[in-house]
Amino acid sequence: MNPASRHRSTRDRPAKAPLSEEAVVDAALAILRSEGLAAVTMRRVAAALDTGAASLYVYVSGREGLLQAMQDRIFATVELETPDPTRWRAQLHALLARMHRALAAHPGIAATAMAEPPTTEAALQLVENLLGILLAGGLDPQDAAWAADIFALLVNYAAIEADVRRADRREQADELYATFTGLPPDRFPLITAHAARLVAGDGEERFRVAIDIVIDGLLARAGGTTR
């Protein structure tokens, strides 16, 4: 047999990169971005790393543990704010926008965070930062605590909406506008009269308005004038 035709020895093959939690999460995130959350399974991640699924359990405790590690990696990319009473509202918008972008860039992760609120180090740091900004704004501690939860829900819902509306939003808005304007005005006078307003704004604009509405409500509730 011609030596050139023989299969290469395993000694001649490039050595596999050593397994680690970082490598496992890297592979899972790559699959998430290219194939979606449903494709992120222990078996699929193991195949991407050229190993067996059982090997991954050294680093993550099953798929739920893997998802938590992925959440932690994503949340850790969000830059935090140093709470400043003179510009707390702008800081709140900036932090929440970064949280939203991080989740929207990883389709499906927001839904996992809704199913079971994350309690990883990075997620808790975000909650800590949210509370710090709200308290810097002069909010009552109880209102600040509830508001932190409300804002976390807003971020998740906005990211989930982005997941399910990956198609052209303008096209969807036009279709919805046509539906609204095609309704009988005698039965739906307000929807037909305000159809354009009901579909106005892109996802980011609507997200920002939602944040402002909550902030204004909190300030009115407290009788404050902080801006």
Protein backbone atom coordinates (compact mmCIF):
# COMPACT_ATOMS: atom_id res chain seq x y z
CA MET A 1 0.00 0.00 0.00
CA ASN A 2 1.26 3.44 -0.91
CA PRO A 3 2.18 5.21 2.39
CA ALA A 4 0.67 8.43 1.03
CA SER A 5 -2.72 6.73 0.75
CA ARG A 6 -2.81 5.54 4.34
CA HIS A 7 -5.01 7.32 6.89
CA ARG A 8 -3.13 9.82 8.96
CA SER A 9 -2.09 8.63 12.38
CA THR A 10 -3.88 10.20 15.29
CA ARG A 11 -0.48 11.50 16.30
CA ASP A 12 -0.38 13.55 13.06
CA ARG A 13 -3.75 15.21 13.68
CA PRO A 14 -3.94 18.63 15.31
CA ALA A 15 -4.50 18.38 19.03
CA LYS A 16 -7.96 19.32 20.19
CA ALA A 17 -8.26 22.44 22.29
CA PRO A 18 -8.62 21.47 25.96
CA LEU A 19 -12.16 21.48 27.28
CA SER A 20 -13.18 24.16 29.77
CA GLU A 21 -16.36 25.92 30.82
CA GLU A 22 -15.31 28.86 28.64
CA ALA A 23 -14.91 26.62 25.59
CA VAL A 24 -18.28 24.94 26.23
CA VAL A 25 -20.08 28.28 26.54
CA ASP A 26 -18.27 29.64 23.46
CA ALA A 27 -19.50 26.68 21.42
CA ALA A 28 -23.05 26.97 22.78
CA LEU A 29 -23.23 30.69 21.96
CA ALA A 30 -21.94 30.08 18.44
CA ILE A 31 -24.68 27.48 17.89
CA LEU A 32 -27.28 29.84 19.38
CA ARG A 33 -26.35 32.64 16.98
CA SER A 34 -26.23 30.41 13.91
CA GLU A 35 -28.99 27.88 14.55
CA GLY A 36 -31.19 29.19 17.37
CA LEU A 37 -31.87 28.18 20.94
CA ALA A 38 -33.56 24.87 20.13
CA ALA A 39 -30.31 23.63 18.59
CA VAL A 40 -28.36 24.24 21.80
CA THR A 41 -28.31 20.75 23.29
CA MET A 42 -25.61 18.94 25.21
CA ARG A 43 -25.17 16.52 22.32
CA ARG A 44 -24.93 19.29 19.71
CA VAL A 45 -22.44 21.34 21.74
CA ALA A 46 -20.35 18.23 22.39
CA ALA A 47 -20.28 17.48 18.66
CA ALA A 48 -19.07 21.02 17.96
CA LEU A 49 -16.24 20.42 20.43
CA ASP A 50 -15.47 16.96 18.98
CA THR A 51 -16.19 15.19 22.23
CA GLY A 52 -18.93 13.21 23.92
CA ALA A 53 -21.88 14.80 25.72
CA ALA A 54 -20.83 13.16 29.00
CA SER A 55 -17.61 15.20 28.94
CA LEU A 56 -19.55 18.45 29.24
CA TYR A 57 -21.04 17.55 32.62
CA VAL A 58 -17.67 18.24 34.20
CA TYR A 59 -18.21 21.92 33.37
CA VAL A 60 -22.01 22.44 33.31
CA SER A 61 -24.80 20.61 35.12
CA GLY A 62 -26.87 19.69 32.09
CA ARG A 63 -28.67 21.92 29.63
CA GLU A 64 -30.15 24.17 32.34
CA GLY A 65 -26.70 24.75 33.76
CA LEU A 66 -25.44 25.46 30.26
CA LEU A 67 -28.17 28.03 29.68
CA GLN A 68 -27.33 29.73 32.98
CA ALA A 69 -23.67 29.90 32.00
CA MET A 70 -24.68 31.41 28.65
CA GLN A 71 -26.88 33.98 30.39
CA ASP A 72 -24.03 34.89 32.72
CA ARG A 73 -21.63 35.37 29.81
CA ILE A 74 -24.12 37.61 27.98
CA PHE A 75 -25.02 39.69 31.03
CA ALA A 76 -21.32 40.12 31.86
CA THR A 77 -20.85 41.98 28.55
CA VAL A 78 -23.19 44.78 29.66
CA GLU A 79 -21.23 47.81 30.82
CA LEU A 80 -22.40 49.12 34.18
CA GLU A 81 -23.00 52.74 35.26
CA THR A 82 -21.66 54.60 38.27
CA PRO A 83 -24.88 56.03 39.73
CA ASP A 84 -24.99 59.82 39.48
CA PRO A 85 -27.95 61.76 40.95
CA THR A 86 -27.46 64.53 38.38
CA ARG A 87 -28.03 62.28 35.38
CA TRP A 88 -29.65 59.14 36.73
CA ARG A 89 -32.42 59.11 34.13
CA ALA A 90 -29.96 59.12 31.21
CA GLN A 91 -27.94 56.42 32.97
CA LEU A 92 -31.03 54.27 33.37
CA HIS A 93 -31.83 54.56 29.66
CA ALA A 94 -28.23 53.73 28.73
CA LEU A 95 -28.02 50.67 30.97
CA LEU A 96 -31.38 49.26 29.88
CA ALA A 97 -30.56 49.86 26.21
CA ARG A 98 -27.31 47.90 26.59
CA MET A 99 -29.15 45.08 28.36
CA HIS A 100 -31.72 44.99 25.55
CA ARG A 101 -29.08 44.92 22.81
CA ALA A 102 -27.19 42.11 24.53
CA LEU A 103 -30.30 39.95 24.77
CA ALA A 104 -31.60 40.81 21.29
CA ALA A 105 -28.24 39.74 19.84
CA HIS A 106 -28.77 36.25 21.31
CA PRO A 107 -32.25 35.10 20.22
CA GLY A 108 -34.05 32.95 22.76
CA ILE A 109 -32.01 33.88 25.82
CA ALA A 110 -34.55 36.46 27.00
CA ALA A 111 -37.22 33.76 27.11
CA THR A 112 -35.01 31.56 29.29
CA ALA A 113 -34.49 34.47 31.66
CA MET A 114 -38.26 34.95 31.89
CA ALA A 115 -38.82 31.28 32.65
CA GLU A 116 -36.46 31.37 35.61
CA PRO A 117 -35.03 34.73 36.75
CA PRO A 118 -31.23 34.54 36.60
CA THR A 119 -29.32 34.65 39.88
CA THR A 120 -25.82 34.40 38.47
CA GLU A 121 -23.08 36.83 39.46
CA ALA A 122 -23.39 38.96 36.32
CA ALA A 123 -27.20 39.11 36.52
CA LEU A 124 -27.07 40.15 40.17
CA GLN A 125 -24.56 42.86 39.32
CA LEU A 126 -27.07 44.28 36.85
CA VAL A 127 -29.82 44.27 39.48
CA GLU A 128 -27.43 45.96 41.91
CA ASN A 129 -26.63 48.62 39.33
CA LEU A 130 -30.30 49.18 38.49
CA LEU A 131 -31.14 49.67 42.14
CA GLY A 132 -28.22 52.03 42.58
CA ILE A 133 -29.35 54.23 39.69
CA LEU A 134 -32.96 54.34 40.87
CA LEU A 135 -31.98 55.17 44.42
CA ALA A 136 -29.66 57.89 43.10
CA GLY A 137 -32.77 59.35 41.47
CA GLY A 138 -34.29 59.83 44.90
CA LEU A 139 -36.89 57.08 44.64
CA ASP A 140 -38.30 55.42 47.73
CA PRO A 141 -36.42 52.13 48.30
CA GLN A 142 -39.58 50.04 47.90
CA ASP A 143 -40.53 51.84 44.68
CA ALA A 144 -36.95 51.44 43.45
CA ALA A 145 -37.05 47.69 44.16
CA TRP A 146 -40.34 47.22 42.33
CA ALA A 147 -39.15 49.43 39.48
CA ALA A 148 -36.00 47.34 39.05
CA ASP A 149 -38.23 44.31 38.53
CA ILE A 150 -40.49 46.19 36.11
CA PHE A 151 -37.54 47.38 34.04
CA ALA A 152 -36.06 43.88 33.91
CA LEU A 153 -39.41 42.64 32.58
CA LEU A 154 -39.51 45.43 30.00
CA VAL A 155 -36.04 44.52 28.77
CA ASN A 156 -36.94 40.83 28.48
CA TYR A 157 -40.27 41.44 26.76
CA ALA A 158 -38.67 43.85 24.28
CA ALA A 159 -35.98 41.28 23.47
CA ILE A 160 -38.55 38.49 23.10
CA GLU A 161 -40.58 40.69 20.75
CA ALA A 162 -37.42 41.26 18.71
CA ASP A 163 -36.96 37.48 18.56
CA VAL A 164 -40.42 36.84 17.12
CA ARG A 165 -40.33 39.84 14.78
CA ARG A 166 -37.08 39.30 12.98
CA ALA A 167 -38.80 40.10 9.68
CA ASP A 168 -39.16 43.65 8.39
CA ARG A 169 -41.11 45.47 11.08
CA ARG A 170 -42.19 48.16 8.63
CA GLU A 171 -43.87 45.52 6.48
CA GLN A 172 -45.61 44.10 9.55
CA ALA A 173 -46.71 47.59 10.61
CA ASP A 174 -48.13 48.25 7.14
CA GLU A 175 -50.11 45.01 7.26
CA LEU A 176 -51.43 45.85 10.72
CA TYR A 177 -52.31 49.38 9.60
CA ALA A 178 -54.27 47.94 6.68
CA THR A 179 -56.12 45.64 9.09
CA PHE A 180 -56.96 48.50 11.46
CA THR A 181 -58.13 50.87 8.74
CA GLY A 182 -60.20 48.11 7.18
CA LEU A 183 -62.29 47.67 10.33
CA PRO A 184 -65.87 49.00 10.41
CA PRO A 185 -65.63 52.52 11.92
CA ASP A 186 -69.01 52.21 13.61
CA ARG A 187 -67.76 49.26 15.70
CA PHE A 188 -64.12 50.34 16.14
CA PRO A 189 -64.14 54.13 15.92
CA LEU A 190 -61.00 54.65 18.00
CA ILE A 191 -58.86 51.98 16.33
CA THR A 192 -59.71 53.24 12.84
CA ALA A 193 -59.20 56.89 13.82
CA HIS A 194 -55.83 56.25 15.47
CA ALA A 195 -54.53 53.43 13.26
CA ALA A 196 -51.37 55.31 12.27
CA ARG A 197 -50.52 56.06 15.89
CA LEU A 198 -51.07 52.45 16.93
CA VAL A 199 -48.37 51.23 14.54
CA ALA A 200 -46.00 54.20 14.83
CA GLY A 201 -42.40 53.89 16.02
CA ASP A 202 -39.79 51.16 15.76
CA GLY A 203 -38.90 48.74 18.54
CA GLU A 204 -36.20 50.96 20.06
CA GLU A 205 -38.44 54.03 20.13
CA ARG A 206 -41.27 52.13 21.75
CA PHE A 207 -38.85 50.65 24.29
CA ARG A 208 -37.58 54.11 25.21
CA VAL A 209 -41.11 55.48 25.57
CA ALA A 210 -42.05 52.56 27.82
CA ILE A 211 -39.11 53.34 30.10
CA ASP A 212 -40.06 57.02 30.25
CA ILE A 213 -43.66 56.18 31.09
CA VAL A 214 -42.55 54.04 34.03
CA ILE A 215 -40.11 56.71 35.25
CA ASP A 216 -42.72 59.47 34.99
CA GLY A 217 -45.21 57.29 36.85
CA LEU A 218 -42.73 56.60 39.63
CA LEU A 219 -41.93 60.32 40.00
CA ALA A 220 -45.61 61.24 40.03
CA ARG A 221 -46.28 58.53 42.60
CA ALA A 222 -43.53 59.94 44.81
CA GLY A 223 -44.57 63.51 44.15
CA GLY A 224 -41.00 64.19 43.10
CA THR A 225 -39.66 66.58 40.52
CA THR A 226 -36.29 64.93 39.90
CA ARG A 227 -35.37 64.84 36.24
